[in-house]
Amino acid sequence: TKSDSSLVLRGFIMIPKHDKKEFSGKLDFQNDRFDVKIGQLKISQIGIEQFIAGGKMEISSIAIDSINADIYRDKNVTFNFNRYPPFYNESFLKLNIPLHIDSVIITNSRIQYGELAEGRPMAGTILLDKFNLQSYNLTNQVTADSIENVMQFNIQALVMGEGSLNLKLTLPLE
């Protein structure tokens, strides 16, 4: 929407081409397989004009509602000891554009992670239901006069349909 500089995506679905067993058979090294559905993604007040003029990309909010994610890893596939992916905060810092996001909110979501342990016939899974996340003031612009250059995430979920999870995750940018 041009009038309020927003972008809305509804009904996003990412379905892998191969089922879990086929996917694992095609890998040289361990990797995660993602099967994801998102009810709605809304990016509000995108500062595209400021960015085009040479400033930083400013986004007021990213609101994601109803993620349903099934993530799977087969530990029977060889692990690549020469590749250690960067943490989320390190990846964010390496973005080629200056970026500031005021808030990221995820609501009404469900995340299932399954892992097939080496030599086991069935994958073990963990389910995070009623998953919600809030994060504020995300930037890859580190300032020398700042007391802390960190990313903070507040997460609430129901683990395996039983226990409440309330997590505050702090990741230093540097």
C-alpha atoms as a PDB file:
ATOM      1  CA  THR A   1       0.000   0.000   0.000  1.00  0.00           C
ATOM      2  CA  LYS A   2       1.640   3.195  -1.152  1.00  0.00           C
ATOM      3  CA  SER A   3      -0.408   5.497   1.108  1.00  0.00           C
ATOM      4  CA  ASP A   4       1.016   4.088   4.355  1.00  0.00           C
ATOM      5  CA  SER A   5       4.172   2.418   2.968  1.00  0.00           C
ATOM      6  CA  SER A   6       3.150  -1.061   4.030  1.00  0.00           C
ATOM      7  CA  LEU A   7       3.390  -4.519   2.557  1.00  0.00           C
ATOM      8  CA  VAL A   8       1.037  -7.393   3.429  1.00  0.00           C
ATOM      9  CA  LEU A   9       1.497 -11.012   2.410  1.00  0.00           C
ATOM     10  CA  ARG A  10      -1.211 -13.563   3.195  1.00  0.00           C
ATOM     11  CA  GLY A  11      -1.157 -17.318   2.864  1.00  0.00           C
ATOM     12  CA  PHE A  12       2.588 -17.780   2.341  1.00  0.00           C
ATOM     13  CA  ILE A  13       3.476 -21.465   2.024  1.00  0.00           C
ATOM     14  CA  MET A  14       6.920 -23.025   1.575  1.00  0.00           C
ATOM     15  CA  ILE A  15       6.673 -26.761   0.974  1.00  0.00           C
ATOM     16  CA  PRO A  16       9.901 -28.650   0.275  1.00  0.00           C
ATOM     17  CA  LYS A  17      10.115 -30.494  -3.018  1.00  0.00           C
ATOM     18  CA  HIS A  18      11.129 -33.724  -1.254  1.00  0.00           C
ATOM     19  CA  ASP A  19       9.780 -35.526   1.813  1.00  0.00           C
ATOM     20  CA  LYS A  20      12.049 -35.809   4.860  1.00  0.00           C
ATOM     21  CA  LYS A  21      13.709 -39.087   3.855  1.00  0.00           C
ATOM     22  CA  GLU A  22      14.304 -38.030   0.239  1.00  0.00           C
ATOM     23  CA  PHE A  23      15.610 -34.641   1.385  1.00  0.00           C
ATOM     24  CA  SER A  24      18.186 -36.278   3.661  1.00  0.00           C
ATOM     25  CA  GLY A  25      19.248 -38.637   0.871  1.00  0.00           C
ATOM     26  CA  LYS A  26      20.105 -35.701  -1.395  1.00  0.00           C
ATOM     27  CA  LEU A  27      22.384 -33.963   1.129  1.00  0.00           C
ATOM     28  CA  ASP A  28      26.170 -34.151   1.276  1.00  0.00           C
ATOM     29  CA  PHE A  29      26.067 -32.649   4.777  1.00  0.00           C
ATOM     30  CA  GLN A  30      23.468 -32.117   7.498  1.00  0.00           C
ATOM     31  CA  ASN A  31      21.003 -29.329   6.882  1.00  0.00           C
ATOM     32  CA  ASP A  32      17.572 -28.320   8.145  1.00  0.00           C
ATOM     33  CA  ARG A  33      14.444 -28.962   6.093  1.00  0.00           C
ATOM     34  CA  PHE A  34      11.742 -26.294   6.552  1.00  0.00           C
ATOM     35  CA  ASP A  35       8.042 -26.751   5.862  1.00  0.00           C
ATOM     36  CA  VAL A  36       6.463 -23.360   6.664  1.00  0.00           C
ATOM     37  CA  LYS A  37       3.050 -21.730   6.399  1.00  0.00           C
ATOM     38  CA  ILE A  38       2.405 -18.119   7.409  1.00  0.00           C
ATOM     39  CA  GLY A  39      -1.109 -16.750   7.795  1.00  0.00           C
ATOM     40  CA  GLN A  40      -0.094 -13.102   7.426  1.00  0.00           C
ATOM     41  CA  LEU A  41       3.058 -11.023   7.289  1.00  0.00           C
ATOM     42  CA  LYS A  42       2.686  -7.238   7.529  1.00  0.00           C
ATOM     43  CA  ILE A  43       5.597  -4.842   7.181  1.00  0.00           C
ATOM     44  CA  SER A  44       4.483  -1.332   8.194  1.00  0.00           C
ATOM     45  CA  GLN A  45       5.825   2.115   7.426  1.00  0.00           C
ATOM     46  CA  ILE A  46       8.743   1.155   5.234  1.00  0.00           C
ATOM     47  CA  GLY A  47      11.063   4.168   4.869  1.00  0.00           C
ATOM     48  CA  ILE A  48      11.913   3.478   1.252  1.00  0.00           C
ATOM     49  CA  GLU A  49      12.293   7.148   0.233  1.00  0.00           C
ATOM     50  CA  GLN A  50      14.835   7.796   2.994  1.00  0.00           C
ATOM     51  CA  PHE A  51      16.713   4.655   1.961  1.00  0.00           C
ATOM     52  CA  ILE A  52      16.764   5.638  -1.729  1.00  0.00           C
ATOM     53  CA  ALA A  53      18.078   9.064  -0.679  1.00  0.00           C
ATOM     54  CA  GLY A  54      21.078   7.326   0.914  1.00  0.00           C
ATOM     55  CA  GLY A  55      19.822   6.920   4.489  1.00  0.00           C
ATOM     56  CA  LYS A  56      19.144   3.776   6.432  1.00  0.00           C
ATOM     57  CA  MET A  57      16.187   1.494   5.776  1.00  0.00           C
ATOM     58  CA  GLU A  58      13.705   2.140   8.580  1.00  0.00           C
ATOM     59  CA  ILE A  59      10.738  -0.143   9.221  1.00  0.00           C
ATOM     60  CA  SER A  60       8.160   0.649  11.884  1.00  0.00           C
ATOM     61  CA  SER A  61       7.045  -2.936  12.457  1.00  0.00           C
ATOM     62  CA  ILE A  62       7.059  -6.463  11.150  1.00  0.00           C
ATOM     63  CA  ALA A  63       4.024  -8.398  12.382  1.00  0.00           C
ATOM     64  CA  ILE A  64       3.762 -12.093  11.601  1.00  0.00           C
ATOM     65  CA  ASP A  65       0.609 -13.978  12.525  1.00  0.00           C
ATOM     66  CA  SER A  66       0.099 -17.743  12.480  1.00  0.00           C
ATOM     67  CA  ILE A  67       3.418 -19.313  11.562  1.00  0.00           C
ATOM     68  CA  ASN A  68       3.182 -23.081  11.352  1.00  0.00           C
ATOM     69  CA  ALA A  69       6.737 -24.416  10.967  1.00  0.00           C
ATOM     70  CA  ASP A  70       7.945 -28.015  10.808  1.00  0.00           C
ATOM     71  CA  ILE A  71      11.754 -28.107  10.948  1.00  0.00           C
ATOM     72  CA  TYR A  72      13.642 -31.381  10.532  1.00  0.00           C
ATOM     73  CA  ARG A  73      17.273 -32.519  10.653  1.00  0.00           C
ATOM     74  CA  ASP A  74      18.705 -35.983   9.981  1.00  0.00           C
ATOM     75  CA  LYS A  75      21.791 -36.585  12.140  1.00  0.00           C
ATOM     76  CA  ASN A  76      22.630 -39.703  10.100  1.00  0.00           C
ATOM     77  CA  VAL A  77      23.929 -37.390   7.364  1.00  0.00           C
ATOM     78  CA  THR A  78      27.575 -36.338   7.704  1.00  0.00           C
ATOM     79  CA  PHE A  79      28.193 -33.130   9.663  1.00  0.00           C
ATOM     80  CA  ASN A  80      30.337 -30.506   7.915  1.00  0.00           C
ATOM     81  CA  PHE A  81      32.986 -29.546  10.474  1.00  0.00           C
ATOM     82  CA  ASN A  82      34.317 -26.845   8.109  1.00  0.00           C
ATOM     83  CA  ARG A  83      31.080 -24.837   8.145  1.00  0.00           C
ATOM     84  CA  TYR A  84      29.712 -23.178  11.225  1.00  0.00           C
ATOM     85  CA  PRO A  85      26.909 -20.800  10.292  1.00  0.00           C
ATOM     86  CA  PRO A  86      26.915 -17.436  12.050  1.00  0.00           C
ATOM     87  CA  PHE A  87      24.476 -16.707  14.853  1.00  0.00           C
ATOM     88  CA  TYR A  88      21.399 -14.656  13.968  1.00  0.00           C
ATOM     89  CA  ASN A  89      22.896 -11.477  15.443  1.00  0.00           C
ATOM     90  CA  GLU A  90      26.108 -11.941  13.445  1.00  0.00           C
ATOM     91  CA  SER A  91      24.125 -12.424  10.208  1.00  0.00           C
ATOM     92  CA  PHE A  92      22.083  -9.301  10.948  1.00  0.00           C
ATOM     93  CA  LEU A  93      25.257  -7.273  11.470  1.00  0.00           C
ATOM     94  CA  LYS A  94      26.632  -8.408   8.085  1.00  0.00           C
ATOM     95  CA  LEU A  95      23.668  -7.055   6.078  1.00  0.00           C
ATOM     96  CA  ASN A  96      24.892  -4.720   3.338  1.00  0.00           C
ATOM     97  CA  ILE A  97      22.271  -2.048   4.044  1.00  0.00           C
ATOM     98  CA  PRO A  98      21.921   0.093   7.175  1.00  0.00           C
ATOM     99  CA  LEU A  99      18.728  -1.101   8.852  1.00  0.00           C
ATOM    100  CA  HIS A 100      16.523  -0.196  11.799  1.00  0.00           C
ATOM    101  CA  ILE A 101      13.341  -2.111  12.671  1.00  0.00           C
ATOM    102  CA  ASP A 102      11.333  -0.653  15.532  1.00  0.00           C
ATOM    103  CA  SER A 103       9.473  -3.860  16.413  1.00  0.00           C
ATOM    104  CA  VAL A 104       9.036  -7.475  15.359  1.00  0.00           C
ATOM    105  CA  ILE A 105       5.982  -9.280  16.692  1.00  0.00           C
ATOM    106  CA  ILE A 106       5.077 -12.929  16.057  1.00  0.00           C
ATOM    107  CA  THR A 107       1.707 -14.201  17.308  1.00  0.00           C
ATOM    108  CA  ASN A 108      -0.463 -17.343  17.291  1.00  0.00           C
ATOM    109  CA  SER A 109       2.288 -19.608  16.019  1.00  0.00           C
ATOM    110  CA  ARG A 110       3.402 -23.230  16.223  1.00  0.00           C
ATOM    111  CA  ILE A 111       6.958 -24.484  15.761  1.00  0.00           C
ATOM    112  CA  GLN A 112       7.858 -28.162  15.668  1.00  0.00           C
ATOM    113  CA  TYR A 113      11.484 -29.283  15.509  1.00  0.00           C
ATOM    114  CA  GLY A 114      12.309 -32.899  14.754  1.00  0.00           C
ATOM    115  CA  GLU A 115      15.684 -34.538  14.760  1.00  0.00           C
ATOM    116  CA  LEU A 116      16.544 -38.059  13.677  1.00  0.00           C
ATOM    117  CA  ALA A 117      19.431 -39.103  15.927  1.00  0.00           C
ATOM    118  CA  GLU A 118      22.208 -41.205  14.462  1.00  0.00           C
ATOM    119  CA  GLY A 119      21.181 -44.862  14.253  1.00  0.00           C
ATOM    120  CA  ARG A 120      17.600 -44.271  15.467  1.00  0.00           C
ATOM    121  CA  PRO A 121      14.509 -45.399  13.539  1.00  0.00           C
ATOM    122  CA  MET A 122      12.313 -42.420  14.471  1.00  0.00           C
ATOM    123  CA  ALA A 123      12.866 -38.706  14.958  1.00  0.00           C
ATOM    124  CA  GLY A 124      12.416 -37.086  18.324  1.00  0.00           C
ATOM    125  CA  THR A 125      10.388 -33.878  18.247  1.00  0.00           C
ATOM    126  CA  ILE A 126       9.737 -30.870  20.387  1.00  0.00           C
ATOM    127  CA  LEU A 127       6.667 -28.698  19.914  1.00  0.00           C
ATOM    128  CA  LEU A 128       6.378 -25.024  20.814  1.00  0.00           C
ATOM    129  CA  ASP A 129       2.674 -24.231  20.612  1.00  0.00           C
ATOM    130  CA  LYS A 130       1.036 -20.849  21.211  1.00  0.00           C
ATOM    131  CA  PHE A 131       4.407 -19.374  20.235  1.00  0.00           C
ATOM    132  CA  ASN A 132       4.694 -15.571  20.513  1.00  0.00           C
ATOM    133  CA  LEU A 133       7.751 -13.349  20.136  1.00  0.00           C
ATOM    134  CA  GLN A 134       8.413  -9.648  20.687  1.00  0.00           C
ATOM    135  CA  SER A 135      11.573  -7.775  19.800  1.00  0.00           C
ATOM    136  CA  TYR A 136      12.248  -4.053  19.685  1.00  0.00           C
ATOM    137  CA  ASN A 137      14.805  -1.639  18.302  1.00  0.00           C
ATOM    138  CA  LEU A 138      16.603  -4.031  15.967  1.00  0.00           C
ATOM    139  CA  THR A 139      19.480  -2.407  14.127  1.00  0.00           C
ATOM    140  CA  ASN A 140      22.742  -3.338  12.489  1.00  0.00           C
ATOM    141  CA  GLN A 141      24.100   0.151  13.134  1.00  0.00           C
ATOM    142  CA  VAL A 142      26.519  -0.219  16.020  1.00  0.00           C
ATOM    143  CA  THR A 143      27.229   3.063  17.777  1.00  0.00           C
ATOM    144  CA  ALA A 144      30.345   3.683  19.840  1.00  0.00           C
ATOM    145  CA  ASP A 145      28.497   5.801  22.394  1.00  0.00           C
ATOM    146  CA  SER A 146      25.879   3.147  23.114  1.00  0.00           C
ATOM    147  CA  ILE A 147      26.007   1.356  26.457  1.00  0.00           C
ATOM    148  CA  GLU A 148      24.873  -1.907  24.901  1.00  0.00           C
ATOM    149  CA  ASN A 149      24.631  -3.028  21.295  1.00  0.00           C
ATOM    150  CA  VAL A 150      22.289  -5.981  21.713  1.00  0.00           C
ATOM    151  CA  MET A 151      19.280  -7.687  20.168  1.00  0.00           C
ATOM    152  CA  GLN A 152      16.636  -8.785  22.666  1.00  0.00           C
ATOM    153  CA  PHE A 153      13.820 -11.251  22.092  1.00  0.00           C
ATOM    154  CA  ASN A 154      10.976 -12.069  24.463  1.00  0.00           C
ATOM    155  CA  ILE A 155       9.385 -15.438  23.730  1.00  0.00           C
ATOM    156  CA  GLN A 156       6.345 -17.151  25.201  1.00  0.00           C
ATOM    157  CA  ALA A 157       5.229 -20.658  24.245  1.00  0.00           C
ATOM    158  CA  LEU A 158       3.623 -23.829  25.506  1.00  0.00           C
ATOM    159  CA  VAL A 159       6.180 -26.662  25.363  1.00  0.00           C
ATOM    160  CA  MET A 160       4.768 -30.033  24.268  1.00  0.00           C
ATOM    161  CA  GLY A 161       1.276 -28.876  25.232  1.00  0.00           C
ATOM    162  CA  GLU A 162       2.257 -28.905  28.909  1.00  0.00           C
ATOM    163  CA  GLY A 163       4.766 -26.413  30.250  1.00  0.00           C
ATOM    164  CA  SER A 164       4.878 -22.663  29.914  1.00  0.00           C
ATOM    165  CA  LEU A 165       8.035 -21.180  28.447  1.00  0.00           C
ATOM    166  CA  ASN A 166       8.913 -17.539  29.070  1.00  0.00           C
ATOM    167  CA  LEU A 167      12.303 -16.702  27.621  1.00  0.00           C
ATOM    168  CA  LYS A 168      14.293 -13.518  27.307  1.00  0.00           C
ATOM    169  CA  LEU A 169      17.126 -13.925  24.820  1.00  0.00           C
ATOM    170  CA  THR A 170      19.850 -11.287  24.553  1.00  0.00           C
ATOM    171  CA  LEU A 171      22.341 -11.458  21.689  1.00  0.00           C
ATOM    172  CA  PRO A 172      25.172  -8.923  21.550  1.00  0.00           C
ATOM    173  CA  LEU A 173      25.593  -7.502  18.051  1.00  0.00           C
ATOM    174  CA  GLU A 174      29.366  -7.637  18.170  1.00  0.00           C
END
